[in-house]
Protein backbone atom coordinates (compact mmCIF):
# COMPACT_ATOMS: atom_id res chain seq x y z
CA MET A 1 -54.60 -91.30 14.74
CA THR A 2 -54.11 -88.07 12.78
CA SER A 3 -57.22 -86.24 11.69
CA ALA A 4 -57.72 -85.30 8.05
CA PRO A 5 -56.17 -81.97 7.09
CA ILE A 6 -58.46 -79.01 7.61
CA PRO A 7 -57.80 -75.30 6.99
CA THR A 8 -56.21 -73.16 9.67
CA VAL A 9 -57.40 -69.69 10.56
CA TRP A 10 -54.63 -67.65 12.15
CA ILE A 11 -55.82 -65.07 14.66
CA LEU A 12 -53.31 -62.34 15.46
CA GLY A 13 -53.16 -60.79 18.90
CA ASP A 14 -55.05 -57.62 17.95
CA GLN A 15 -57.80 -59.37 15.97
CA LEU A 16 -59.64 -61.13 18.77
CA ALA A 17 -63.09 -60.83 17.22
CA ARG A 18 -65.25 -63.95 17.07
CA THR A 19 -67.70 -62.60 14.49
CA ARG A 20 -65.28 -60.65 12.30
CA GLY A 21 -62.54 -61.49 9.86
CA VAL A 22 -61.47 -65.11 9.39
CA LEU A 23 -63.54 -66.38 12.33
CA ALA A 24 -66.80 -64.91 11.04
CA ASP A 25 -69.28 -67.65 10.07
CA ARG A 26 -66.82 -70.41 11.05
CA PHE A 27 -67.98 -73.46 12.94
CA PRO A 28 -66.13 -76.05 15.01
CA GLY A 29 -64.81 -78.95 12.94
CA GLU A 30 -64.38 -77.02 9.70
CA CYS A 31 -61.12 -75.27 10.66
CA ARG A 32 -58.41 -75.18 13.29
CA VAL A 33 -57.54 -71.93 15.03
CA LEU A 34 -53.94 -70.80 15.47
CA LEU A 35 -52.75 -68.19 17.97
CA VAL A 36 -49.03 -67.51 18.35
CA GLU A 37 -47.25 -65.65 21.15
CA SER A 38 -43.95 -64.30 19.86
CA ASP A 39 -41.07 -64.27 22.35
CA ALA A 40 -39.23 -61.87 20.06
CA LEU A 41 -42.09 -59.38 20.23
CA ILE A 42 -42.52 -59.84 23.98
CA SER A 43 -38.83 -59.12 24.57
CA SER A 44 -38.54 -56.40 21.89
CA ARG A 45 -39.07 -53.46 24.25
CA ARG A 46 -39.74 -52.53 27.86
CA TRP A 47 -43.50 -53.02 27.92
CA HIS A 48 -45.91 -51.71 30.51
CA ARG A 49 -47.11 -54.71 32.52
CA GLN A 50 -50.77 -53.94 31.87
CA ARG A 51 -50.18 -53.55 28.12
CA LEU A 52 -48.43 -56.90 27.77
CA HIS A 53 -50.79 -58.66 30.15
CA LEU A 54 -53.82 -57.31 28.30
CA VAL A 55 -52.80 -58.76 24.94
CA LEU A 56 -51.62 -62.13 26.23
CA SER A 57 -54.60 -62.57 28.56
CA ALA A 58 -57.09 -61.61 25.84
CA MET A 59 -55.49 -64.16 23.50
CA GLY A 60 -55.69 -66.81 26.22
CA HIS A 61 -59.33 -66.03 26.94
CA LEU A 62 -60.29 -66.24 23.27
CA ALA A 63 -58.49 -69.57 22.98
CA ALA A 64 -60.42 -70.89 25.99
CA GLU A 65 -63.74 -69.62 24.62
CA LEU A 66 -63.13 -71.20 21.23
CA ARG A 67 -62.19 -74.53 22.80
CA ALA A 68 -65.36 -74.40 24.88
CA GLU A 69 -67.28 -73.81 21.66
CA GLY A 70 -65.74 -76.94 20.18
CA PHE A 71 -62.91 -75.57 18.02
CA GLU A 72 -59.50 -77.20 17.82
CA VAL A 73 -57.12 -74.48 18.97
CA ASP A 74 -53.34 -74.41 18.65
CA HIS A 75 -52.24 -71.67 21.05
CA ARG A 76 -48.47 -71.79 21.06
CA ARG A 77 -45.39 -69.81 22.02
CA ALA A 78 -42.51 -69.48 19.58
CA ASP A 79 -39.39 -67.41 19.05
CA THR A 80 -41.18 -65.46 16.30
CA LEU A 81 -44.59 -65.44 14.66
CA ALA A 82 -43.10 -67.00 11.53
CA GLN A 83 -41.56 -69.82 13.54
CA GLY A 84 -44.86 -70.37 15.28
CA LEU A 85 -46.51 -70.80 11.89
CA ARG A 86 -43.79 -73.21 10.75
CA GLY A 87 -44.26 -75.30 13.88
CA HIS A 88 -47.99 -75.39 13.29
CA LEU A 89 -47.53 -76.41 9.64
CA ASP A 90 -45.14 -79.20 10.63
CA GLU A 91 -47.48 -80.54 13.29
CA PHE A 92 -50.86 -80.27 11.59
CA GLY A 93 -50.22 -79.93 7.84
CA PRO A 94 -53.32 -77.81 7.11
CA ARG A 95 -54.63 -77.54 3.55
CA ARG A 96 -54.23 -73.78 3.77
CA VAL A 97 -53.76 -71.00 6.31
CA VAL A 98 -55.99 -67.95 6.24
CA ALA A 99 -55.47 -64.74 8.22
CA MET A 100 -56.94 -61.27 8.36
CA GLU A 101 -54.77 -58.42 7.09
CA PRO A 102 -52.59 -57.31 10.03
CA SER A 103 -53.04 -53.86 11.51
CA SER A 104 -49.34 -52.96 11.22
CA TRP A 105 -47.29 -52.36 8.10
CA GLN A 106 -44.51 -54.67 9.33
CA GLY A 107 -47.04 -57.38 10.14
CA ARG A 108 -48.56 -57.29 6.68
CA ALA A 109 -45.12 -57.36 5.05
CA MET A 110 -44.23 -60.41 7.14
CA LEU A 111 -47.41 -62.36 6.36
CA GLU A 112 -47.05 -61.58 2.66
CA ARG A 113 -43.76 -63.49 2.76
CA LEU A 114 -45.37 -66.55 4.39
CA PRO A 115 -47.71 -69.22 2.97
CA VAL A 116 -50.78 -67.40 4.24
CA GLU A 117 -53.93 -66.23 2.43
CA LEU A 118 -55.00 -62.77 3.59
CA VAL A 119 -58.59 -61.60 3.81
CA ARG A 120 -59.69 -57.99 4.09
CA ASN A 121 -59.41 -56.37 7.52
CA ASP A 122 -62.94 -55.51 8.66
CA LEU A 123 -62.20 -54.21 12.15
CA PHE A 124 -62.55 -50.62 10.92
CA LEU A 125 -65.35 -48.72 9.22
CA CYS A 126 -63.08 -47.44 6.44
CA HIS A 127 -60.58 -49.87 4.94
CA TYR A 128 -57.26 -48.28 4.06
CA ASP A 129 -57.88 -48.93 0.36
CA ASP A 130 -61.10 -46.93 0.63
CA PHE A 131 -59.27 -44.18 2.48
CA ALA A 132 -56.69 -44.06 -0.29
CA SER A 133 -59.50 -43.70 -2.85
CA TRP A 134 -61.09 -40.90 -0.81
CA SER A 135 -57.77 -39.08 -0.48
CA ALA A 136 -56.77 -39.34 -4.14
CA GLY A 137 -56.47 -35.91 -5.76
CA ARG A 138 -56.96 -33.95 -2.54
CA LYS A 139 -54.45 -31.20 -1.85
CA ARG A 140 -54.83 -31.64 1.91
CA LEU A 141 -56.18 -34.53 3.94
CA THR A 142 -58.04 -32.81 6.76
CA MET A 143 -59.66 -34.91 9.42
CA GLU A 144 -62.77 -32.71 9.37
CA ASP A 145 -63.40 -33.42 5.68
CA PHE A 146 -62.91 -37.14 6.26
CA TYR A 147 -65.16 -37.10 9.31
CA ARG A 148 -68.02 -35.45 7.41
CA TRP A 149 -67.60 -37.97 4.60
CA GLN A 150 -67.76 -40.78 7.15
CA ARG A 151 -70.90 -39.35 8.75
CA GLN A 152 -72.64 -39.05 5.40
CA ARG A 153 -71.74 -42.43 3.96
CA LEU A 154 -72.41 -44.29 7.23
CA GLY A 155 -75.54 -42.31 8.10
CA VAL A 156 -74.29 -41.48 11.59
CA LEU A 157 -76.00 -38.56 13.34
CA ILE A 158 -77.79 -37.69 10.10
CA ASP A 159 -81.42 -36.56 9.82
CA ASP A 160 -83.69 -36.05 6.83
CA GLY A 161 -83.87 -32.33 6.11
CA VAL A 162 -85.96 -30.26 3.74
CA ASP A 163 -83.19 -30.28 1.16
CA GLY A 164 -81.97 -33.80 1.90
CA PRO A 165 -79.83 -35.44 4.58
CA GLU A 166 -78.29 -33.03 7.06
CA PRO A 167 -76.26 -33.29 10.29
CA VAL A 168 -78.28 -33.62 13.47
CA GLY A 169 -78.56 -30.22 15.14
CA GLY A 170 -77.66 -28.41 11.92
CA ARG A 171 -73.89 -28.53 12.61
CA TRP A 172 -71.20 -31.07 11.88
CA ASN A 173 -68.99 -30.14 14.80
CA PHE A 174 -69.71 -29.08 18.38
CA ASP A 175 -66.06 -28.86 19.40
CA HIS A 176 -66.37 -25.30 20.68
CA ASP A 177 -68.90 -26.51 23.25
CA ASN A 178 -66.43 -29.09 24.57
CA ARG A 179 -63.47 -27.03 25.76
CA GLU A 180 -64.33 -26.18 29.33
CA PRO A 181 -61.53 -26.14 31.92
CA PRO A 182 -61.66 -28.67 34.76
CA PRO A 183 -64.37 -28.00 37.32
CA ARG A 184 -63.13 -27.01 40.75
CA ASP A 185 -66.12 -28.28 42.74
CA GLY A 186 -64.61 -31.64 43.67
CA ARG A 187 -67.34 -33.53 41.83
CA ALA A 188 -67.31 -37.31 41.53
CA TRP A 189 -66.53 -38.78 38.11
CA PRO A 190 -67.99 -41.95 36.62
CA GLN A 191 -66.55 -45.11 38.13
CA ILE A 192 -65.86 -48.36 36.31
CA GLU A 193 -66.22 -51.93 37.47
CA ARG A 194 -62.97 -53.78 38.02
CA PHE A 195 -63.02 -57.31 36.63
CA GLU A 196 -61.79 -60.08 38.90
CA LEU A 197 -58.59 -61.69 37.65
CA ASP A 198 -59.07 -65.36 36.81
CA ASP A 199 -56.70 -68.29 36.32
CA ILE A 200 -55.76 -67.18 32.80
CA ASP A 201 -54.99 -63.66 34.03
CA ARG A 202 -52.87 -64.97 36.89
CA GLU A 203 -50.97 -67.42 34.67
CA VAL A 204 -50.08 -64.62 32.27
CA LEU A 205 -49.11 -62.33 35.13
CA ASP A 206 -46.79 -64.97 36.59
CA ARG A 207 -44.79 -65.22 33.37
CA LEU A 208 -44.46 -61.56 32.43
CA PRO A 209 -40.78 -60.73 31.92
CA ALA A 210 -38.89 -58.89 34.63
CA THR A 211 -38.20 -56.06 32.19
CA THR A 212 -41.81 -54.83 32.31
CA PHE A 213 -42.71 -51.71 34.27
CA GLY A 214 -45.80 -50.16 35.81
CA ALA A 215 -48.46 -51.35 38.21
CA ASP A 216 -49.86 -54.86 38.05
CA PRO A 217 -53.19 -55.39 36.25
CA ASP A 218 -56.17 -54.64 38.48
CA GLY A 219 -59.05 -55.65 36.24
CA THR A 220 -59.39 -52.27 34.54
CA TRP A 221 -58.91 -53.44 30.97
CA PRO A 222 -61.38 -55.87 29.35
CA VAL A 223 -59.82 -59.14 28.16
CA THR A 224 -63.06 -60.64 26.78
CA ARG A 225 -65.87 -59.36 24.61
CA THR A 226 -68.30 -59.76 27.51
CA GLN A 227 -66.17 -57.47 29.64
CA ALA A 228 -65.76 -55.00 26.77
CA LEU A 229 -69.52 -54.81 26.26
CA LEU A 230 -69.98 -54.12 29.96
CA ARG A 231 -67.43 -51.31 29.74
CA LEU A 232 -69.27 -49.86 26.71
CA ASN A 233 -72.60 -49.94 28.55
CA GLU A 234 -71.01 -48.30 31.59
CA PHE A 235 -69.76 -45.43 29.49
CA VAL A 236 -73.00 -44.91 27.58
CA ASN A 237 -75.05 -44.97 30.78
CA ASP A 238 -72.74 -43.08 33.14
CA GLY A 239 -69.99 -41.28 31.25
CA LEU A 240 -71.18 -40.15 27.84
CA ALA A 241 -73.37 -37.27 29.01
CA LEU A 242 -70.45 -35.85 31.00
CA PHE A 243 -67.81 -36.52 28.38
CA GLY A 244 -68.08 -33.54 26.07
CA PRO A 245 -67.65 -30.38 28.16
CA HIS A 246 -64.51 -31.57 29.93
CA GLU A 247 -62.96 -33.87 27.34
CA ASP A 248 -59.90 -31.58 27.17
CA ALA A 249 -59.61 -31.07 30.94
CA MET A 250 -56.88 -32.60 33.10
CA LEU A 251 -57.04 -33.43 36.81
CA THR A 252 -54.14 -34.97 38.69
CA ALA A 253 -56.37 -37.09 40.92
CA GLU A 254 -58.60 -38.29 38.06
CA TRP A 255 -56.91 -40.54 35.55
CA LYS A 256 -59.86 -40.80 33.13
CA LEU A 257 -62.53 -38.23 34.15
CA ALA A 258 -65.47 -39.10 31.85
CA HIS A 259 -63.44 -40.64 29.03
CA SER A 260 -64.68 -43.94 27.67
CA VAL A 261 -61.44 -46.01 28.05
CA LEU A 262 -62.71 -48.17 25.17
CA ALA A 263 -59.77 -47.75 22.79
CA SER A 264 -57.93 -50.86 23.94
CA SER A 265 -61.05 -52.97 23.41
CA MET A 266 -61.53 -51.63 19.89
CA ASN A 267 -57.84 -52.03 19.08
CA LEU A 268 -57.95 -55.70 20.10
CA GLY A 269 -61.13 -56.43 18.16
CA LEU A 270 -63.27 -56.98 21.27
CA LEU A 271 -65.49 -54.07 20.20
CA HIS A 272 -66.18 -52.76 16.71
CA PRO A 273 -66.21 -48.97 16.13
CA GLY A 274 -69.55 -49.28 14.36
CA GLU A 275 -71.30 -50.70 17.41
CA VAL A 276 -69.61 -48.16 19.68
CA ALA A 277 -70.79 -45.22 17.54
CA ALA A 278 -74.27 -46.74 17.26
CA ALA A 279 -74.54 -47.07 21.04
CA ALA A 280 -73.56 -43.43 21.49
CA GLU A 281 -76.04 -42.22 18.86
CA ALA A 282 -78.81 -44.33 20.43
CA ALA A 283 -78.14 -42.61 23.75
CA TYR A 284 -78.69 -39.23 22.09
CA ARG A 285 -81.84 -40.43 20.34
CA ARG A 286 -83.19 -41.65 23.70
CA GLY A 287 -82.49 -38.26 25.24
CA VAL A 288 -79.98 -39.52 27.83
CA ALA A 289 -76.91 -37.70 26.47
CA PRO A 290 -76.56 -34.22 24.95
CA LEU A 291 -75.64 -33.82 21.30
CA SER A 292 -72.39 -31.98 22.05
CA SER A 293 -71.06 -34.93 24.05
CA VAL A 294 -72.32 -37.56 21.63
CA GLU A 295 -70.99 -35.77 18.55
CA GLY A 296 -67.63 -35.16 20.23
CA PHE A 297 -67.28 -38.82 21.14
CA ILE A 298 -68.43 -40.11 17.76
CA ARG A 299 -65.94 -37.74 16.10
CA GLN A 300 -63.18 -39.51 18.03
CA VAL A 301 -64.43 -42.97 17.02
CA ILE A 302 -65.40 -42.69 13.34
CA GLY A 303 -63.41 -39.53 12.62
CA TRP A 304 -60.05 -39.26 14.31
CA ARG A 305 -59.43 -42.95 14.98
CA GLU A 306 -60.22 -43.99 11.41
CA TYR A 307 -58.37 -41.01 9.96
CA VAL A 308 -55.23 -42.02 11.84
CA TRP A 309 -55.66 -45.58 10.56
CA GLY A 310 -56.00 -44.31 7.01
CA VAL A 311 -53.01 -41.98 6.93
CA TYR A 312 -50.84 -44.62 8.58
CA TRP A 313 -51.37 -46.96 5.63
CA LEU A 314 -51.25 -44.17 3.08
CA TRP A 315 -47.88 -42.83 4.17
CA MET A 316 -46.02 -45.87 5.49
CA PRO A 317 -43.32 -47.14 5.52
CA ASP A 318 -41.28 -43.96 4.93
CA TYR A 319 -43.46 -41.95 7.30
CA ARG A 320 -42.04 -43.70 10.36
CA ALA A 321 -38.60 -42.12 9.78
CA SER A 322 -39.94 -38.54 9.51
CA ASN A 323 -37.96 -35.98 11.49
CA ALA A 324 -38.59 -32.63 9.79
CA LEU A 325 -37.34 -30.59 12.76
CA GLY A 326 -34.18 -32.62 13.25
CA ALA A 327 -34.98 -33.60 16.86
CA THR A 328 -32.33 -35.79 18.51
CA ARG A 329 -32.81 -35.82 22.30
CA PRO A 330 -33.57 -39.09 24.13
CA VAL A 331 -36.83 -39.79 25.93
CA PRO A 332 -36.31 -38.10 29.31
CA PRO A 333 -35.94 -40.11 32.53
CA ALA A 334 -38.98 -38.24 33.89
CA PHE A 335 -41.08 -40.11 31.31
CA THR A 336 -39.50 -43.54 31.66
CA GLY A 337 -39.74 -43.61 35.45
CA GLN A 338 -35.99 -43.53 35.93
CA ALA A 339 -36.25 -40.15 37.66
CA THR A 340 -38.83 -38.09 39.48
CA THR A 341 -39.68 -34.56 38.41
CA ASP A 342 -40.77 -31.29 39.99
CA MET A 343 -43.04 -30.59 37.01
CA ALA A 344 -46.41 -31.35 38.60
CA CYS A 345 -48.23 -31.90 35.31
CA VAL A 346 -45.64 -34.41 34.09
CA ALA A 347 -45.54 -36.19 37.44
CA GLY A 348 -49.33 -36.47 37.42
CA VAL A 349 -49.60 -37.84 33.90
CA ILE A 350 -46.70 -40.27 34.36
CA GLY A 351 -48.45 -41.41 37.53
CA HIS A 352 -51.52 -42.21 35.45
CA VAL A 353 -49.36 -44.09 32.96
CA HIS A 354 -47.64 -46.06 35.71
CA ASP A 355 -50.90 -46.99 37.45
CA HIS A 356 -53.05 -47.69 34.40
CA GLY A 357 -50.97 -47.77 31.22
CA PHE A 358 -53.18 -44.89 30.13
CA ALA A 359 -53.44 -41.13 29.85
CA HIS A 360 -56.24 -39.44 27.94
CA HIS A 361 -55.67 -37.64 24.66
CA ILE A 362 -54.98 -34.13 25.99
CA GLU A 363 -52.51 -35.41 28.57
CA ARG A 364 -50.74 -37.25 25.76
CA LEU A 365 -50.74 -34.28 23.39
CA MET A 366 -50.34 -31.22 25.60
CA VAL A 367 -48.24 -32.60 28.47
CA LEU A 368 -46.16 -35.47 27.10
CA GLY A 369 -46.21 -34.53 23.41
CA ASN A 370 -45.82 -30.81 24.03
CA LEU A 371 -42.74 -31.30 26.17
CA ALA A 372 -41.27 -33.79 23.71
CA LEU A 373 -41.87 -31.34 20.86
CA THR A 374 -40.42 -28.27 22.50
CA ALA A 375 -37.49 -30.19 23.99
CA GLY A 376 -36.66 -31.78 20.65
CA ILE A 377 -37.05 -35.47 21.56
CA GLU A 378 -36.27 -37.83 18.67
CA PRO A 379 -39.60 -38.89 17.08
CA GLY A 380 -38.79 -42.57 16.67
CA ALA A 381 -37.72 -42.96 20.30
CA MET A 382 -40.83 -41.14 21.54
CA THR A 383 -43.06 -43.27 19.34
CA GLU A 384 -41.55 -46.50 20.63
CA TRP A 385 -41.82 -45.39 24.25
CA MET A 386 -45.47 -44.49 23.89
CA ARG A 387 -46.26 -47.68 22.00
CA ALA A 388 -44.83 -49.73 24.87
CA SER A 389 -46.35 -47.61 27.65
CA PHE A 390 -50.04 -47.44 26.72
CA VAL A 391 -52.58 -50.24 26.72
CA ASP A 392 -53.95 -48.98 23.39
CA GLY A 393 -50.50 -48.36 21.90
CA ALA A 394 -50.81 -50.10 18.53
CA ASP A 395 -48.26 -49.22 15.86
CA TRP A 396 -50.90 -47.65 13.61
CA VAL A 397 -52.08 -45.54 16.56
CA MET A 398 -48.74 -44.22 17.74
CA VAL A 399 -46.87 -43.56 14.50
CA PRO A 400 -49.25 -40.88 13.13
CA ASN A 401 -50.27 -39.51 16.53
CA VAL A 402 -46.71 -39.02 17.74
CA ILE A 403 -44.87 -38.23 14.52
CA GLY A 404 -47.61 -36.18 12.89
CA MET A 405 -49.82 -34.75 15.60
CA ALA A 406 -47.59 -34.39 18.66
CA LEU A 407 -44.10 -33.79 17.26
CA PHE A 408 -44.79 -32.19 13.87
CA ALA A 409 -42.01 -34.44 12.60
CA ASP A 410 -43.76 -34.84 9.25
CA GLY A 411 -43.43 -31.11 8.54
CA GLY A 412 -47.19 -30.56 8.44
CA MET A 413 -48.58 -33.51 6.48
CA MET A 414 -51.04 -34.21 9.28
CA ALA A 415 -51.32 -31.14 11.52
CA THR A 416 -51.55 -27.59 10.20
CA LYS A 417 -49.18 -26.29 12.89
CA PRO A 418 -47.05 -27.61 15.76
CA TYR A 419 -49.04 -28.21 18.94
CA ALA A 420 -46.54 -26.30 21.06
CA SER A 421 -47.58 -24.17 23.99
CA GLY A 422 -46.20 -22.67 27.15
CA GLY A 423 -47.45 -23.26 30.65
CA ALA A 424 -50.51 -21.03 30.18
CA TYR A 425 -52.48 -23.77 28.42
CA ILE A 426 -51.71 -26.33 31.10
CA ASN A 427 -52.59 -23.80 33.79
CA LYS A 428 -55.97 -23.19 32.14
CA MET A 429 -56.90 -26.81 31.44
CA SER A 430 -55.50 -28.59 34.49
CA ASP A 431 -55.11 -28.29 38.25
CA SER A 432 -51.39 -29.11 38.16
CA CYS A 433 -49.98 -25.60 38.29
CA ARG A 434 -51.55 -24.83 41.66
CA SER A 435 -49.31 -27.39 43.35
CA CYS A 436 -46.24 -26.90 41.16
CA ARG A 437 -43.05 -25.13 42.18
CA PHE A 438 -42.78 -23.63 38.69
CA ASP A 439 -44.67 -20.52 37.61
CA PRO A 440 -46.29 -20.77 34.14
CA LYS A 441 -46.06 -16.98 33.73
CA GLN A 442 -42.28 -16.90 34.08
CA ARG A 443 -39.87 -17.83 31.30
CA VAL A 444 -36.52 -17.13 33.02
CA GLY A 445 -35.24 -17.65 36.54
CA PRO A 446 -35.38 -20.57 39.00
CA ASP A 447 -39.19 -20.56 39.16
CA ALA A 448 -39.76 -20.37 35.40
CA CYS A 449 -42.06 -23.03 34.01
CA PRO A 450 -40.06 -25.36 31.72
CA TYR A 451 -42.98 -25.42 29.27
CA THR A 452 -42.96 -21.64 28.97
CA THR A 453 -39.19 -21.39 28.59
CA LEU A 454 -38.97 -24.24 26.10
CA TYR A 455 -41.90 -22.90 24.06
CA TRP A 456 -40.02 -19.71 23.20
CA ASP A 457 -36.77 -21.58 22.68
CA PHE A 458 -38.57 -24.01 20.36
CA LEU A 459 -39.80 -21.12 18.22
CA ALA A 460 -36.34 -19.56 18.06
CA ARG A 461 -34.65 -22.89 17.37
CA ASN A 462 -37.02 -23.75 14.53
CA ALA A 463 -37.82 -20.29 13.17
CA ASP A 464 -36.46 -21.02 9.71
CA ALA A 465 -38.25 -24.36 9.42
CA LEU A 466 -41.57 -22.81 10.51
CA ALA A 467 -41.28 -19.52 8.59
CA SER A 468 -43.45 -20.68 5.68
CA ASN A 469 -46.31 -21.83 7.94
CA HIS A 470 -48.83 -18.98 7.97
CA ARG A 471 -50.35 -20.21 11.25
CA MET A 472 -47.00 -19.64 12.94
CA ALA A 473 -46.54 -16.04 11.77
CA ARG A 474 -47.92 -14.45 14.94
CA PRO A 475 -46.07 -16.72 17.42
CA LEU A 476 -42.81 -16.19 15.56
CA ALA A 477 -43.35 -12.44 15.51
CA ALA A 478 -44.06 -12.47 19.25
CA MET A 479 -40.87 -14.48 19.83
CA ARG A 480 -38.79 -11.92 17.94
CA ARG A 481 -40.22 -9.12 20.10
CA LEU A 482 -39.04 -10.70 23.36
CA SER A 483 -36.48 -8.39 24.93
CA ASP A 484 -35.07 -11.21 27.05
CA LEU A 485 -34.88 -13.86 24.31
CA PRO A 486 -31.11 -14.45 24.78
CA ALA A 487 -31.69 -15.06 28.50
CA VAL A 488 -34.63 -17.35 27.70
CA ARG A 489 -32.48 -19.41 25.39
CA ARG A 490 -29.67 -19.68 27.93
CA HIS A 491 -32.17 -20.83 30.54
CA ALA A 492 -33.63 -23.31 28.03
CA SER A 493 -30.20 -24.90 27.64
CA GLU A 494 -30.05 -25.38 31.40
CA ILE A 495 -33.55 -26.88 31.46
CA LEU A 496 -32.74 -29.29 28.65
CA ALA A 497 -29.58 -30.46 30.40
CA ARG A 498 -31.55 -31.08 33.59
CA LEU A 499 -34.30 -32.81 31.65
CA ASP A 500 -31.75 -35.16 30.06
CA SER A 501 -30.10 -35.96 33.38
CA GLY A 502 -33.36 -36.48 35.28
CA ALA A 503 -32.77 -33.48 37.57
CA LEU A 504 -35.68 -31.29 36.45
């Protein structure tokens, strides 16, 4: 006997929030829940095993939790998301299908072509329509201006002052307090609990395609809200106080240091940025974490993360094709795991990616992004590789961060200058150079650091394109004063050839 038609709520794989979006205030019996695994998406790229497992396992766990709550759940696999919807419509004939606005531009365009009613995405603190309103009429969209606006309108780290609301501590930004190099005392860093893999985890693991790469899941990444809340509490209690001073530091033997590793949980909807920021602020108010660490972390959550989300929607879809510097090289084999490398910093970060599907923000920007920028790696290829390689690699995350922040492929829409540097920065902020065969102080010769050589070659190669950027005037002038610039550029050609072939 067929039950009477009821509405369907369609939950996408990065919207796994029970109390948000289309599931908020829903009760068993009044709707049916649809989750679709797309074979086309699964086979679309060479995913990291932990990235693909995380999404599929989290979907499976939500389906099981909803069934246990009493919901009718249609969790199906299909060639595409659209075909999954068609199969659901044919089988159940719902009165209507409701879904939350997707987090990707392509996803929204697809759902707008289907018989689906969209409701506002509430997994962020600033909807992209609100960001567009904030940005209207501004000559430049700086993250710092957006972050202060967010703090004020949300009342985060705000106190009542004599002349009205003011930032806690009298400053908006404590970034200068959070740039210490890595400590060399061998200290222990906060540990995290590994979650035991259950039957759902193992079933997903057994059917991952052979094309995936990286280490098997080890219980690092939360696949349920309960696990995500435990990870949040771990960070607030054990990691937050230590986070700030060394948030830009890199250690080969420490894949996360005191970073929160909460991005994947927020990106899947298991945690909301509002509750994460509130937990951090409460730790400061209780006196268990210093303001510099708390402000630095909150800036990442309600500032940078939401700013990236906003500019993604503001500038898409044309933004994805940006390539202002005309970069054309492929992603190097040293990144993809098809070759080893003598560059200790790259080997260390790629080791973190292999083992965890993760590298923290400075490793992404100043090791992977910096090399991709100075070597001239094609922005679209780099974006796709990073999206597939990181557990938090959503489209809206990677497109602005890679194209705008790391590769300056947008010509300065997002960053005020290219984040290019030689080996000196890596030597200061990491322990890699001590064990590396390359010397960060040398730019020519067999021991020259590839970062140092490619930095100067990058400036020479792009001098005309960067000439109008006032922040690049001094670096460009320094490049022109190099007496050995022709030799540097010849050596750069050799390095690039070796990078391409996997022999560097």
